[in-house]
Amino acid sequence: MTARTFKLTEMHQRIDARLRAAQRRPAPDWAELSRLKRAKLRIKDMLARLAAGPRRS
């Protein structure tokens, strides 16, 4: 695992923890939930691109 992959994985886990905590609130902030979900998906996409390796034309 590269340092970049490790850092992105850690970020993904932190965002996931924040997202779960926000969802457990009695009155969740839907804008924050949406922002966290988008951030988590962006990082997941970055990890997938890194796992796929370099592109070849």
PDB file of N, CA and C in Angstrom:
ATOM      1  N   MET A   1       0.853  -1.177   0.000  1.00  0.00           N
ATOM      2  CA  MET A   1       0.000   0.000   0.000  1.00  0.00           C
ATOM      3  C   MET A   1       0.894   1.235   0.000  1.00  0.00           C
ATOM      4  N   THR A   2       0.626   2.112  -0.919  1.00  0.00           N
ATOM      5  CA  THR A   2       1.421   3.331  -0.996  1.00  0.00           C
ATOM      6  C   THR A   2       0.966   4.324   0.072  1.00  0.00           C
ATOM      7  N   ALA A   3       1.781   5.329   0.286  1.00  0.00           N
ATOM      8  CA  ALA A   3       1.444   6.353   1.278  1.00  0.00           C
ATOM      9  C   ALA A   3       0.163   7.087   0.872  1.00  0.00           C
ATOM     10  N   ARG A   4       0.008   7.332  -0.413  1.00  0.00           N
ATOM     11  CA  ARG A   4      -1.203   8.031  -0.893  1.00  0.00           C
ATOM     12  C   ARG A   4      -2.444   7.177  -0.660  1.00  0.00           C
ATOM     13  N   THR A   5      -2.344   5.892  -0.964  1.00  0.00           N
ATOM     14  CA  THR A   5      -3.472   4.984  -0.748  1.00  0.00           C
ATOM     15  C   THR A   5      -3.817   4.913   0.734  1.00  0.00           C
ATOM     16  N   PHE A   6      -2.796   4.844   1.570  1.00  0.00           N
ATOM     17  CA  PHE A   6      -3.006   4.785   3.008  1.00  0.00           C
ATOM     18  C   PHE A   6      -3.715   6.043   3.507  1.00  0.00           C
ATOM     19  N   LYS A   7      -3.248   7.197   3.042  1.00  0.00           N
ATOM     20  CA  LYS A   7      -3.850   8.463   3.472  1.00  0.00           C
ATOM     21  C   LYS A   7      -5.308   8.556   3.014  1.00  0.00           C
ATOM     22  N   LEU A   8      -5.576   8.168   1.770  1.00  0.00           N
ATOM     23  CA  LEU A   8      -6.950   8.214   1.264  1.00  0.00           C
ATOM     24  C   LEU A   8      -7.849   7.245   2.032  1.00  0.00           C
ATOM     25  N   THR A   9      -7.323   6.073   2.374  1.00  0.00           N
ATOM     26  CA  THR A   9      -8.092   5.098   3.145  1.00  0.00           C
ATOM     27  C   THR A   9      -8.426   5.655   4.524  1.00  0.00           C
ATOM     28  N   GLU A  10      -7.459   6.297   5.155  1.00  0.00           N
ATOM     29  CA  GLU A  10      -7.717   6.913   6.457  1.00  0.00           C
ATOM     30  C   GLU A  10      -8.781   8.006   6.352  1.00  0.00           C
ATOM     31  N   MET A  11      -8.677   8.833   5.319  1.00  0.00           N
ATOM     32  CA  MET A  11      -9.661   9.901   5.120  1.00  0.00           C
ATOM     33  C   MET A  11     -11.057   9.302   4.922  1.00  0.00           C
ATOM     34  N   HIS A  12     -11.134   8.231   4.131  1.00  0.00           N
ATOM     35  CA  HIS A  12     -12.401   7.567   3.862  1.00  0.00           C
ATOM     36  C   HIS A  12     -13.012   7.052   5.168  1.00  0.00           C
ATOM     37  N   GLN A  13     -12.194   6.471   6.026  1.00  0.00           N
ATOM     38  CA  GLN A  13     -12.678   5.945   7.305  1.00  0.00           C
ATOM     39  C   GLN A  13     -13.156   7.063   8.227  1.00  0.00           C
ATOM     40  N   ARG A  14     -12.409   8.174   8.266  1.00  0.00           N
ATOM     41  CA  ARG A  14     -12.824   9.306   9.110  1.00  0.00           C
ATOM     42  C   ARG A  14     -14.145   9.894   8.633  1.00  0.00           C
ATOM     43  N   ILE A  15     -14.290  10.047   7.325  1.00  0.00           N
ATOM     44  CA  ILE A  15     -15.538  10.586   6.773  1.00  0.00           C
ATOM     45  C   ILE A  15     -16.687   9.620   7.061  1.00  0.00           C
ATOM     46  N   ASP A  16     -16.433   8.321   6.941  1.00  0.00           N
ATOM     47  CA  ASP A  16     -17.461   7.332   7.217  1.00  0.00           C
ATOM     48  C   ASP A  16     -17.918   7.416   8.670  1.00  0.00           C
ATOM     49  N   ALA A  17     -16.984   7.587   9.581  1.00  0.00           N
ATOM     50  CA  ALA A  17     -17.327   7.709  11.007  1.00  0.00           C
ATOM     51  C   ALA A  17     -18.167   8.968  11.252  1.00  0.00           C
ATOM     52  N   ARG A  18     -17.773  10.082  10.628  1.00  0.00           N
ATOM     53  CA  ARG A  18     -18.539  11.321  10.775  1.00  0.00           C
ATOM     54  C   ARG A  18     -19.943  11.171  10.184  1.00  0.00           C
ATOM     55  N   LEU A  19     -20.027  10.475   9.054  1.00  0.00           N
ATOM     56  CA  LEU A  19     -21.312  10.262   8.398  1.00  0.00           C
ATOM     57  C   LEU A  19     -22.234   9.423   9.286  1.00  0.00           C
ATOM     58  N   ARG A  20     -21.721   8.350   9.857  1.00  0.00           N
ATOM     59  CA  ARG A  20     -22.530   7.511  10.741  1.00  0.00           C
ATOM     60  C   ARG A  20     -22.998   8.296  11.965  1.00  0.00           C
ATOM     61  N   ALA A  21     -22.109   9.124  12.527  1.00  0.00           N
ATOM     62  CA  ALA A  21     -22.480   9.937  13.691  1.00  0.00           C
ATOM     63  C   ALA A  21     -23.567  10.944  13.316  1.00  0.00           C
ATOM     64  N   ALA A  22     -23.445  11.556  12.157  1.00  0.00           N
ATOM     65  CA  ALA A  22     -24.435  12.544  11.712  1.00  0.00           C
ATOM     66  C   ALA A  22     -25.791  11.885  11.460  1.00  0.00           C
ATOM     67  N   GLN A  23     -25.780  10.653  10.964  1.00  0.00           N
ATOM     68  CA  GLN A  23     -27.032   9.951  10.686  1.00  0.00           C
ATOM     69  C   GLN A  23     -27.753   9.538  11.969  1.00  0.00           C
ATOM     70  N   ARG A  24     -27.016   9.367  13.059  1.00  0.00           N
ATOM     71  CA  ARG A  24     -27.618   8.957  14.328  1.00  0.00           C
ATOM     72  C   ARG A  24     -28.272  10.112  15.080  1.00  0.00           C
ATOM     73  N   ARG A  25     -28.005  11.332  14.664  1.00  0.00           N
ATOM     74  CA  ARG A  25     -28.600  12.483  15.340  1.00  0.00           C
ATOM     75  C   ARG A  25     -30.112  12.473  15.175  1.00  0.00           C
ATOM     76  N   PRO A  26     -30.822  12.982  16.183  1.00  0.00           N
ATOM     77  CA  PRO A  26     -32.293  13.015  16.087  1.00  0.00           C
ATOM     78  C   PRO A  26     -32.795  13.852  14.904  1.00  0.00           C
ATOM     79  N   ALA A  27     -32.123  14.944  14.626  1.00  0.00           N
ATOM     80  CA  ALA A  27     -32.504  15.798  13.494  1.00  0.00           C
ATOM     81  C   ALA A  27     -31.248  16.042  12.653  1.00  0.00           C
ATOM     82  N   PRO A  28     -30.924  15.100  11.756  1.00  0.00           N
ATOM     83  CA  PRO A  28     -29.692  15.244  10.980  1.00  0.00           C
ATOM     84  C   PRO A  28     -29.728  16.440  10.026  1.00  0.00           C
ATOM     85  N   ASP A  29     -28.561  17.003   9.810  1.00  0.00           N
ATOM     86  CA  ASP A  29     -28.404  18.103   8.859  1.00  0.00           C
ATOM     87  C   ASP A  29     -28.227  17.470   7.476  1.00  0.00           C
ATOM     88  N   TRP A  30     -29.269  17.560   6.664  1.00  0.00           N
ATOM     89  CA  TRP A  30     -29.257  16.867   5.370  1.00  0.00           C
ATOM     90  C   TRP A  30     -28.187  17.414   4.431  1.00  0.00           C
ATOM     91  N   ALA A  31     -27.874  18.684   4.534  1.00  0.00           N
ATOM     92  CA  ALA A  31     -26.824  19.265   3.695  1.00  0.00           C
ATOM     93  C   ALA A  31     -25.465  18.681   4.077  1.00  0.00           C
ATOM     94  N   GLU A  32     -25.232  18.532   5.376  1.00  0.00           N
ATOM     95  CA  GLU A  32     -23.968  17.944   5.829  1.00  0.00           C
ATOM     96  C   GLU A  32     -23.878  16.485   5.413  1.00  0.00           C
ATOM     97  N   LEU A  33     -24.982  15.750   5.538  1.00  0.00           N
ATOM     98  CA  LEU A  33     -24.984  14.347   5.112  1.00  0.00           C
ATOM     99  C   LEU A  33     -24.643  14.232   3.628  1.00  0.00           C
ATOM    100  N   SER A  34     -25.235  15.082   2.839  1.00  0.00           N
ATOM    101  CA  SER A  34     -24.981  15.071   1.403  1.00  0.00           C
ATOM    102  C   SER A  34     -23.522  15.386   1.101  1.00  0.00           C
ATOM    103  N   ARG A  35     -22.979  16.387   1.785  1.00  0.00           N
ATOM    104  CA  ARG A  35     -21.576  16.771   1.574  1.00  0.00           C
ATOM    105  C   ARG A  35     -20.644  15.634   1.963  1.00  0.00           C
ATOM    106  N   LEU A  36     -20.911  14.991   3.093  1.00  0.00           N
ATOM    107  CA  LEU A  36     -20.073  13.884   3.545  1.00  0.00           C
ATOM    108  C   LEU A  36     -20.147  12.690   2.586  1.00  0.00           C
ATOM    109  N   LYS A  37     -21.338  12.402   2.089  1.00  0.00           N
ATOM    110  CA  LYS A  37     -21.500  11.293   1.147  1.00  0.00           C
ATOM    111  C   LYS A  37     -20.734  11.552  -0.144  1.00  0.00           C
ATOM    112  N   ARG A  38     -20.803  12.805  -0.628  1.00  0.00           N
ATOM    113  CA  ARG A  38     -20.073  13.147  -1.857  1.00  0.00           C
ATOM    114  C   ARG A  38     -18.570  13.042  -1.638  1.00  0.00           C
ATOM    115  N   ALA A  39     -18.088  13.508  -0.485  1.00  0.00           N
ATOM    116  CA  ALA A  39     -16.652  13.443  -0.182  1.00  0.00           C
ATOM    117  C   ALA A  39     -16.198  11.994  -0.093  1.00  0.00           C
ATOM    118  N   LYS A  40     -17.002  11.165   0.553  1.00  0.00           N
ATOM    119  CA  LYS A  40     -16.667   9.750   0.689  1.00  0.00           C
ATOM    120  C   LYS A  40     -16.615   9.075  -0.687  1.00  0.00           C
ATOM    121  N   LEU A  41     -17.561   9.391  -1.545  1.00  0.00           N
ATOM    122  CA  LEU A  41     -17.589   8.819  -2.887  1.00  0.00           C
ATOM    123  C   LEU A  41     -16.402   9.290  -3.728  1.00  0.00           C
ATOM    124  N   ARG A  42     -16.041  10.568  -3.597  1.00  0.00           N
ATOM    125  CA  ARG A  42     -14.879  11.087  -4.327  1.00  0.00           C
ATOM    126  C   ARG A  42     -13.612  10.311  -3.950  1.00  0.00           C
ATOM    127  N   ILE A  43     -13.432  10.078  -2.649  1.00  0.00           N
ATOM    128  CA  ILE A  43     -12.250   9.358  -2.186  1.00  0.00           C
ATOM    129  C   ILE A  43     -12.299   7.907  -2.655  1.00  0.00           C
ATOM    130  N   LYS A  44     -13.480   7.308  -2.615  1.00  0.00           N
ATOM    131  CA  LYS A  44     -13.623   5.931  -3.094  1.00  0.00           C
ATOM    132  C   LYS A  44     -13.239   5.843  -4.570  1.00  0.00           C
ATOM    133  N   ASP A  45     -13.654   6.825  -5.367  1.00  0.00           N
ATOM    134  CA  ASP A  45     -13.297   6.851  -6.786  1.00  0.00           C
ATOM    135  C   ASP A  45     -11.788   7.002  -6.982  1.00  0.00           C
ATOM    136  N   MET A  46     -11.160   7.848  -6.161  1.00  0.00           N
ATOM    137  CA  MET A  46      -9.706   8.019  -6.250  1.00  0.00           C
ATOM    138  C   MET A  46      -8.995   6.710  -5.932  1.00  0.00           C
ATOM    139  N   LEU A  47      -9.448   6.019  -4.905  1.00  0.00           N
ATOM    140  CA  LEU A  47      -8.845   4.739  -4.531  1.00  0.00           C
ATOM    141  C   LEU A  47      -9.013   3.712  -5.653  1.00  0.00           C
ATOM    142  N   ALA A  48     -10.165   3.705  -6.290  1.00  0.00           N
ATOM    143  CA  ALA A  48     -10.411   2.770  -7.393  1.00  0.00           C
ATOM    144  C   ALA A  48      -9.480   3.066  -8.564  1.00  0.00           C
ATOM    145  N   ARG A  49      -9.283   4.367  -8.865  1.00  0.00           N
ATOM    146  CA  ARG A  49      -8.369   4.730  -9.964  1.00  0.00           C
ATOM    147  C   ARG A  49      -6.935   4.320  -9.644  1.00  0.00           C
ATOM    148  N   LEU A  50      -6.529   4.507  -8.381  1.00  0.00           N
ATOM    149  CA  LEU A  50      -5.180   4.110  -7.993  1.00  0.00           C
ATOM    150  C   LEU A  50      -5.011   2.592  -8.065  1.00  0.00           C
ATOM    151  N   ALA A  51      -6.033   1.858  -7.687  1.00  0.00           N
ATOM    152  CA  ALA A  51      -5.977   0.397  -7.714  1.00  0.00           C
ATOM    153  C   ALA A  51      -5.932  -0.131  -9.150  1.00  0.00           C
ATOM    154  N   ALA A  52      -6.546   0.613 -10.078  1.00  0.00           N
ATOM    155  CA  ALA A  52      -6.574   0.175 -11.480  1.00  0.00           C
ATOM    156  C   ALA A  52      -5.202   0.338 -12.140  1.00  0.00           C
ATOM    157  N   GLY A  53      -4.369   1.166 -11.576  1.00  0.00           N
ATOM    158  CA  GLY A  53      -3.042   1.368 -12.137  1.00  0.00           C
ATOM    159  C   GLY A  53      -3.026   2.429 -13.207  1.00  0.00           C
ATOM    160  N   PRO A  54      -1.860   2.617 -13.806  1.00  0.00           N
ATOM    161  CA  PRO A  54      -1.731   3.663 -14.837  1.00  0.00           C
ATOM    162  C   PRO A  54      -2.519   3.303 -16.097  1.00  0.00           C
ATOM    163  N   ARG A  55      -3.049   4.344 -16.720  1.00  0.00           N
ATOM    164  CA  ARG A  55      -3.785   4.146 -17.975  1.00  0.00           C
ATOM    165  C   ARG A  55      -2.816   3.986 -19.127  1.00  0.00           C
ATOM    166  N   ARG A  56      -3.261   3.206 -20.081  1.00  0.00           N
ATOM    167  CA  ARG A  56      -2.475   3.060 -21.309  1.00  0.00           C
ATOM    168  C   ARG A  56      -3.326   3.510 -22.475  1.00  0.00           C
ATOM    169  N   SER A  57      -2.727   4.259 -23.393  1.00  0.00           N
ATOM    170  CA  SER A  57      -3.495   4.746 -24.545  1.00  0.00           C
ATOM    171  C   SER A  57      -3.429   3.778 -25.683  1.00  0.00           C
TER     172      SER A  57
END
